[in-house]
């Protein structure tokens, strides 16, 4: 097997098993990661915590009879679709922080986060939210959301290892389009757009693990996992039904595979340059991952073996594409 993967883009529809797979990989020793999957011990990035903060900001604004900055209501999709790109730019920044060893320690975590959101929006061509906001309102939001933003920042910094040598950085995100959409999905929807927004230094080293479930199964599992008392949880958050149908009713991964010109690869174009990212597809249409939600001590060996075998098959295809 070639040198272990430096960056793994972990992708799937919501509730397909991404976070469970990530939790499983994080539970393994470096030797097990290398032996079974050709990856290093994992360092993990995820765009969902930023979506959660965006919803918190919007909910606080609507509670004050202001327009929700990112969402019109807690049950609807992004009001500005370019925020799919905003999330990717935040992932680009997080990766650069990992590489440089930067662990931000601002006096106000909320103020720091609000500024980051505005900068990321500008990069993808969307209007900033906080630049023209009444200063008193912004200060009020910073006070109310400081704890949420501080928690996110501390978890982000805690993920930084002393070195990335021998590690695999996992970057997790879900993308899709409206139920019944024609393919290819128009920007800024789908993986085609979001992959094209990844920084070149990520694309230079990236491979993809795609967890395959149907949209129907994604919706079923989303309902099953939802804990309304834990909306910020990686494993237990729920995606509103309107979002499941409007943003995740389908995805474009199969279209990308069919149109790359190479088996088990996805073509990405950015700034006049082209990348062919190797991909492995883990078939989770018959659920192999939900048991990961239980405490580690409750995981059954038979379930772990089925999960390992399925993921090994996906990684074999991925590594074969890397070597082709």
Protein backbone atom coordinates (compact mmCIF):
# COMPACT_ATOMS: atom_id res chain seq x y z
CA UNK A 1 0.00 0.00 0.00
CA UNK A 2 1.28 3.50 -0.84
CA UNK A 3 2.10 6.12 1.79
CA UNK A 4 -0.86 6.79 4.07
CA UNK A 5 -3.45 9.42 3.12
CA UNK A 6 -2.66 12.97 4.20
CA UNK A 7 -6.20 14.35 3.78
CA UNK A 8 -9.48 12.45 3.58
CA UNK A 9 -12.65 14.26 2.54
CA UNK A 10 -15.44 12.40 4.36
CA UNK A 11 -18.66 12.97 2.45
CA UNK A 12 -22.25 11.71 2.38
CA UNK A 13 -25.84 12.82 2.76
CA UNK A 14 -26.83 13.74 6.33
CA UNK A 15 -27.13 10.88 8.84
CA UNK A 16 -25.51 8.46 6.39
CA UNK A 17 -22.84 7.44 8.87
CA UNK A 18 -20.07 10.01 8.36
CA UNK A 19 -19.70 10.98 11.99
CA UNK A 20 -20.05 7.37 13.13
CA UNK A 21 -17.32 6.32 10.69
CA UNK A 22 -15.14 9.17 11.95
CA UNK A 23 -15.76 8.14 15.56
CA UNK A 24 -14.85 4.55 14.69
CA UNK A 25 -11.61 5.58 13.00
CA UNK A 26 -10.69 7.79 15.96
CA UNK A 27 -11.13 4.80 18.27
CA UNK A 28 -8.41 2.81 16.49
CA UNK A 29 -4.72 2.76 17.22
CA UNK A 30 -2.30 4.24 14.65
CA UNK A 31 -1.25 0.71 13.77
CA UNK A 32 -4.83 -0.38 13.12
CA UNK A 33 -5.49 2.72 10.99
CA UNK A 34 -2.43 1.99 8.86
CA UNK A 35 -2.97 -1.76 8.59
CA UNK A 36 -6.65 -1.77 7.68
CA UNK A 37 -7.18 1.52 5.85
CA UNK A 38 -3.84 3.03 4.87
CA UNK A 39 -4.43 6.14 6.94
CA UNK A 40 -2.59 7.74 9.81
CA UNK A 41 -4.14 8.45 13.18
CA UNK A 42 -6.91 10.93 12.48
CA UNK A 43 -7.18 14.67 13.04
CA UNK A 44 -10.73 15.81 12.42
CA UNK A 45 -12.41 18.88 10.94
CA UNK A 46 -16.15 19.28 10.41
CA UNK A 47 -18.30 22.11 9.05
CA UNK A 48 -21.43 21.23 11.07
CA UNK A 49 -20.42 23.18 14.22
CA UNK A 50 -20.30 26.33 12.09
CA UNK A 51 -23.81 25.63 10.75
CA UNK A 52 -24.95 25.29 14.35
CA UNK A 53 -23.48 28.69 15.28
CA UNK A 54 -25.06 30.25 12.18
CA UNK A 55 -28.44 28.90 13.29
CA UNK A 56 -27.86 30.24 16.81
CA UNK A 57 -27.09 33.69 15.38
CA UNK A 58 -30.19 33.64 13.18
CA UNK A 59 -32.42 32.42 16.02
CA UNK A 60 -31.16 35.19 18.30
CA UNK A 61 -31.87 37.78 15.62
CA UNK A 62 -35.37 36.54 14.83
CA UNK A 63 -36.14 36.46 18.57
CA UNK A 64 -35.40 40.21 18.50
CA UNK A 65 -37.67 40.77 15.47
CA UNK A 66 -34.65 41.11 13.19
CA UNK A 67 -34.14 39.20 9.95
CA UNK A 68 -32.27 35.93 10.44
CA UNK A 69 -28.77 36.49 9.09
CA UNK A 70 -28.18 33.02 7.70
CA UNK A 71 -31.61 31.33 8.00
CA UNK A 72 -35.09 32.84 7.77
CA UNK A 73 -36.21 30.38 10.43
CA UNK A 74 -34.82 27.39 12.30
CA UNK A 75 -36.61 24.99 9.95
CA UNK A 76 -35.53 26.42 6.57
CA UNK A 77 -32.41 26.16 4.36
CA UNK A 78 -29.73 28.85 4.02
CA UNK A 79 -31.22 32.16 2.86
CA UNK A 80 -27.95 32.76 0.89
CA UNK A 81 -26.94 29.56 -0.96
CA UNK A 82 -23.36 30.84 -1.28
CA UNK A 83 -22.98 29.97 2.40
CA UNK A 84 -22.20 26.43 1.19
CA UNK A 85 -19.00 28.06 -0.01
CA UNK A 86 -18.64 30.03 3.23
CA UNK A 87 -18.44 26.73 5.08
CA UNK A 88 -15.72 25.44 2.77
CA UNK A 89 -13.68 28.61 3.28
CA UNK A 90 -13.96 28.09 7.05
CA UNK A 91 -12.61 24.55 6.51
CA UNK A 92 -9.76 26.01 4.46
CA UNK A 93 -8.91 28.32 7.36
CA UNK A 94 -9.10 25.48 9.88
CA UNK A 95 -6.72 23.39 7.78
CA UNK A 96 -4.26 26.26 7.52
CA UNK A 97 -4.40 26.68 11.30
CA UNK A 98 -3.59 22.97 11.66
CA UNK A 99 -0.61 23.20 9.33
CA UNK A 100 0.76 26.37 10.93
CA UNK A 101 0.03 25.29 14.50
CA UNK A 102 -2.09 28.39 15.05
CA UNK A 103 -4.42 28.14 18.07
CA UNK A 104 -6.39 31.39 18.23
CA UNK A 105 -7.05 32.73 21.72
CA UNK A 106 -9.18 35.87 21.23
CA UNK A 107 -10.63 37.82 24.14
CA UNK A 108 -14.07 37.37 22.60
CA UNK A 109 -14.64 34.01 20.90
CA UNK A 110 -17.97 35.24 19.51
CA UNK A 111 -16.43 38.39 18.05
CA UNK A 112 -13.66 36.30 16.52
CA UNK A 113 -16.21 33.89 15.03
CA UNK A 114 -18.40 36.68 13.63
CA UNK A 115 -15.37 38.22 11.90
CA UNK A 116 -14.40 34.84 10.45
CA UNK A 117 -17.88 34.34 9.02
CA UNK A 118 -17.78 37.75 7.34
CA UNK A 119 -14.32 37.16 5.85
CA UNK A 120 -15.31 33.73 4.54
CA UNK A 121 -18.47 35.17 2.99
CA UNK A 122 -16.49 37.81 1.16
CA UNK A 123 -14.17 35.16 -0.31
CA UNK A 124 -17.11 33.36 -1.99
CA UNK A 125 -18.86 36.53 -3.13
CA UNK A 126 -21.56 36.86 -0.47
CA UNK A 127 -22.29 40.00 1.55
CA UNK A 128 -20.90 40.16 5.10
CA UNK A 129 -23.41 39.99 7.93
CA UNK A 130 -21.74 41.90 10.75
CA UNK A 131 -19.88 44.68 8.93
CA UNK A 132 -22.97 46.90 8.72
CA UNK A 133 -24.82 45.59 11.77
CA UNK A 134 -25.78 48.03 14.50
CA UNK A 135 -22.82 47.88 16.97
CA UNK A 136 -25.14 47.57 19.95
CA UNK A 137 -26.94 44.60 18.41
CA UNK A 138 -23.65 42.93 17.53
CA UNK A 139 -22.38 43.39 21.08
CA UNK A 140 -25.60 41.90 22.42
CA UNK A 141 -25.19 38.85 20.17
CA UNK A 142 -21.55 38.45 21.20
CA UNK A 143 -22.53 38.36 24.87
CA UNK A 144 -25.37 35.88 24.37
CA UNK A 145 -23.39 33.53 22.10
CA UNK A 146 -19.97 33.75 23.76
CA UNK A 147 -20.26 30.37 25.48
CA UNK A 148 -21.32 28.55 22.30
CA UNK A 149 -18.52 30.14 20.29
CA UNK A 150 -15.94 29.57 23.04
CA UNK A 151 -16.86 25.89 23.18
CA UNK A 152 -16.44 25.56 19.40
CA UNK A 153 -13.09 27.35 19.47
CA UNK A 154 -11.75 25.26 22.36
CA UNK A 155 -12.74 22.04 20.60
CA UNK A 156 -11.10 23.26 17.40
CA UNK A 157 -7.86 24.08 19.21
CA UNK A 158 -7.92 20.81 21.15
CA UNK A 159 -7.89 18.90 17.87
CA UNK A 160 -4.43 20.29 17.01
CA UNK A 161 -1.70 17.65 17.41
CA UNK A 162 1.91 18.64 18.08
CA UNK A 163 2.68 17.53 14.52
CA UNK A 164 0.78 16.31 11.46
CA UNK A 165 3.56 13.84 10.71
CA UNK A 166 1.99 10.40 10.40
CA UNK A 167 -1.53 11.83 10.69
CA UNK A 168 -4.52 11.89 8.33
CA UNK A 169 -6.67 15.02 8.41
CA UNK A 170 -10.35 14.14 7.96
CA UNK A 171 -12.54 16.97 6.63
CA UNK A 172 -16.24 16.10 6.94
CA UNK A 173 -19.12 17.74 5.09
CA UNK A 174 -22.42 16.88 3.40
CA UNK A 175 -23.65 18.43 0.17
CA UNK A 176 -26.57 17.91 -2.18
CA UNK A 177 -29.44 19.51 -4.02
CA UNK A 178 -33.22 19.62 -4.08
CA UNK A 179 -35.23 16.45 -4.47
CA UNK A 180 -35.73 15.79 -8.18
CA UNK A 181 -32.97 18.13 -9.37
CA UNK A 182 -31.43 17.62 -12.81
CA UNK A 183 -27.71 16.86 -12.89
CA UNK A 184 -25.18 18.37 -12.84
CA UNK A 185 -26.34 20.40 -9.85
CA UNK A 186 -25.97 24.14 -10.36
CA UNK A 187 -23.46 26.07 -8.25
CA UNK A 188 -23.38 26.63 -5.32
CA UNK A 189 -25.10 23.30 -4.66
CA UNK A 190 -23.53 19.87 -4.58
CA UNK A 191 -20.05 18.47 -4.32
CA UNK A 192 -18.90 19.79 -7.68
CA UNK A 193 -19.11 23.36 -6.37
CA UNK A 194 -17.85 22.70 -2.85
CA UNK A 195 -14.85 20.65 -4.00
CA UNK A 196 -13.92 23.53 -6.33
CA UNK A 197 -13.83 25.90 -3.34
CA UNK A 198 -11.29 23.83 -1.40
CA UNK A 199 -7.85 25.40 -1.11
CA UNK A 200 -5.25 24.11 -3.59
CA UNK A 201 -3.06 22.89 -0.73
CA UNK A 202 -5.95 20.64 0.34
CA UNK A 203 -6.72 19.42 -3.19
CA UNK A 204 -3.06 18.59 -3.74
CA UNK A 205 -3.22 15.97 -0.97
CA UNK A 206 -6.89 14.97 -0.82
CA UNK A 207 -8.70 11.69 -1.32
CA UNK A 208 -12.44 11.08 -0.81
CA UNK A 209 -14.37 8.56 1.26
CA UNK A 210 -18.05 8.67 0.28
CA UNK A 211 -20.62 6.89 2.42
CA UNK A 212 -23.38 5.64 0.17
CA UNK A 213 -27.01 5.64 1.29
CA UNK A 214 -30.18 6.56 -0.56
CA UNK A 215 -31.87 9.91 0.14
CA UNK A 216 -34.78 7.96 1.63
CA UNK A 217 -32.47 6.16 4.05
CA UNK A 218 -30.74 9.45 4.86
CA UNK A 219 -34.08 10.97 5.85
CA UNK A 220 -35.04 7.92 7.93
CA UNK A 221 -31.75 7.92 9.82
CA UNK A 222 -31.90 11.68 10.31
CA UNK A 223 -35.26 11.31 12.05
CA UNK A 224 -33.99 8.42 14.13
CA UNK A 225 -30.85 10.17 15.35
CA UNK A 226 -32.38 13.56 16.22
CA UNK A 227 -32.13 14.62 19.85
CA UNK A 228 -33.95 17.98 20.20
CA UNK A 229 -32.16 18.54 23.51
CA UNK A 230 -28.73 18.34 21.88
CA UNK A 231 -28.91 20.40 18.66
CA UNK A 232 -25.17 21.08 18.53
CA UNK A 233 -24.14 17.44 18.83
CA UNK A 234 -22.09 15.91 16.02
CA UNK A 235 -23.79 12.53 16.42
CA UNK A 236 -27.30 13.54 17.49
CA UNK A 237 -28.23 16.75 15.66
CA UNK A 238 -31.24 16.75 13.38
CA UNK A 239 -31.57 18.39 9.97
CA UNK A 240 -34.98 20.06 9.37
CA UNK A 241 -37.27 18.28 6.92
CA UNK A 242 -37.35 21.26 4.53
CA UNK A 243 -33.54 21.14 4.37
CA UNK A 244 -33.51 17.37 3.85
CA UNK A 245 -35.72 17.75 0.79
CA UNK A 246 -34.50 21.16 -0.40
CA UNK A 247 -30.74 20.76 0.03
CA UNK A 248 -30.22 17.01 0.41
CA UNK A 249 -32.96 15.44 -1.69
CA UNK A 250 -30.22 14.13 -3.97
CA UNK A 251 -26.50 14.54 -4.47
CA UNK A 252 -24.13 14.65 -7.43
CA UNK A 253 -21.44 12.15 -6.41
CA UNK A 254 -22.48 9.48 -8.92
CA UNK A 255 -22.58 12.13 -11.66
CA UNK A 256 -19.06 13.21 -10.73
CA UNK A 257 -17.84 9.61 -10.83
CA UNK A 258 -19.48 9.03 -14.21
CA UNK A 259 -17.94 12.18 -15.71
CA UNK A 260 -14.38 12.16 -14.36
CA UNK A 261 -12.84 10.10 -17.16
CA UNK A 262 -11.13 7.81 -14.64
CA UNK A 263 -12.42 4.93 -12.52
CA UNK A 264 -12.88 5.70 -8.81
CA UNK A 265 -11.93 9.33 -9.24
CA UNK A 266 -13.62 12.74 -9.10
CA UNK A 267 -12.47 15.62 -11.28
CA UNK A 268 -12.13 18.99 -9.55
CA UNK A 269 -11.42 22.25 -11.37
CA UNK A 270 -10.25 25.43 -9.70
CA UNK A 271 -8.36 28.49 -10.96
CA UNK A 272 -7.65 26.87 -14.32
CA UNK A 273 -6.11 23.76 -12.72
CA UNK A 274 -7.51 20.23 -12.62
CA UNK A 275 -7.26 17.54 -9.94
CA UNK A 276 -8.41 13.91 -10.10
CA UNK A 277 -9.20 12.94 -6.52
CA UNK A 278 -9.25 9.20 -5.77
CA UNK A 279 -12.43 8.01 -4.10
CA UNK A 280 -13.64 4.97 -2.20
CA UNK A 281 -17.37 4.39 -1.76
CA UNK A 282 -18.48 2.69 1.46
CA UNK A 283 -21.83 0.99 0.93
CA UNK A 284 -23.94 1.75 4.01
CA UNK A 285 -27.34 1.19 2.41
CA UNK A 286 -27.76 -1.68 4.87
CA UNK A 287 -26.90 0.17 8.05
CA UNK A 288 -23.47 -0.80 9.40
CA UNK A 289 -22.75 2.26 11.50
CA UNK A 290 -25.59 3.16 13.90
CA UNK A 291 -24.17 0.99 16.70
CA UNK A 292 -21.30 3.50 16.97
CA UNK A 293 -23.75 5.84 18.74
CA UNK A 294 -23.63 3.52 21.75
CA UNK A 295 -20.85 3.73 24.31
CA UNK A 296 -17.59 2.19 23.12
CA UNK A 297 -17.86 -0.61 25.64
CA UNK A 298 -21.20 -1.67 24.16
CA UNK A 299 -19.90 -2.15 20.61
CA UNK A 300 -20.33 -5.79 19.57
CA UNK A 301 -17.42 -7.56 17.85
CA UNK A 302 -19.67 -8.82 15.04
CA UNK A 303 -20.87 -5.29 14.27
CA UNK A 304 -17.33 -3.96 14.35
CA UNK A 305 -16.16 -6.68 11.96
CA UNK A 306 -18.90 -5.89 9.42
CA UNK A 307 -18.07 -2.19 9.58
CA UNK A 308 -14.34 -2.83 9.23
CA UNK A 309 -14.85 -5.15 6.24
CA UNK A 310 -17.08 -2.65 4.45
CA UNK A 311 -14.68 0.21 5.01
CA UNK A 312 -11.69 -1.90 3.97
CA UNK A 313 -13.39 -2.57 0.63
CA UNK A 314 -13.93 1.15 0.08
CA UNK A 315 -10.34 2.00 0.98
CA UNK A 316 -9.03 -0.70 -1.38
CA UNK A 317 -10.76 1.03 -4.28
CA UNK A 318 -9.47 4.40 -3.09
CA UNK A 319 -5.85 3.23 -2.85
CA UNK A 320 -6.11 1.45 -6.20
CA UNK A 321 -7.20 4.75 -7.78
CA UNK A 322 -4.30 6.54 -6.10
CA UNK A 323 -1.83 4.11 -7.62
CA UNK A 324 -3.37 4.05 -11.11
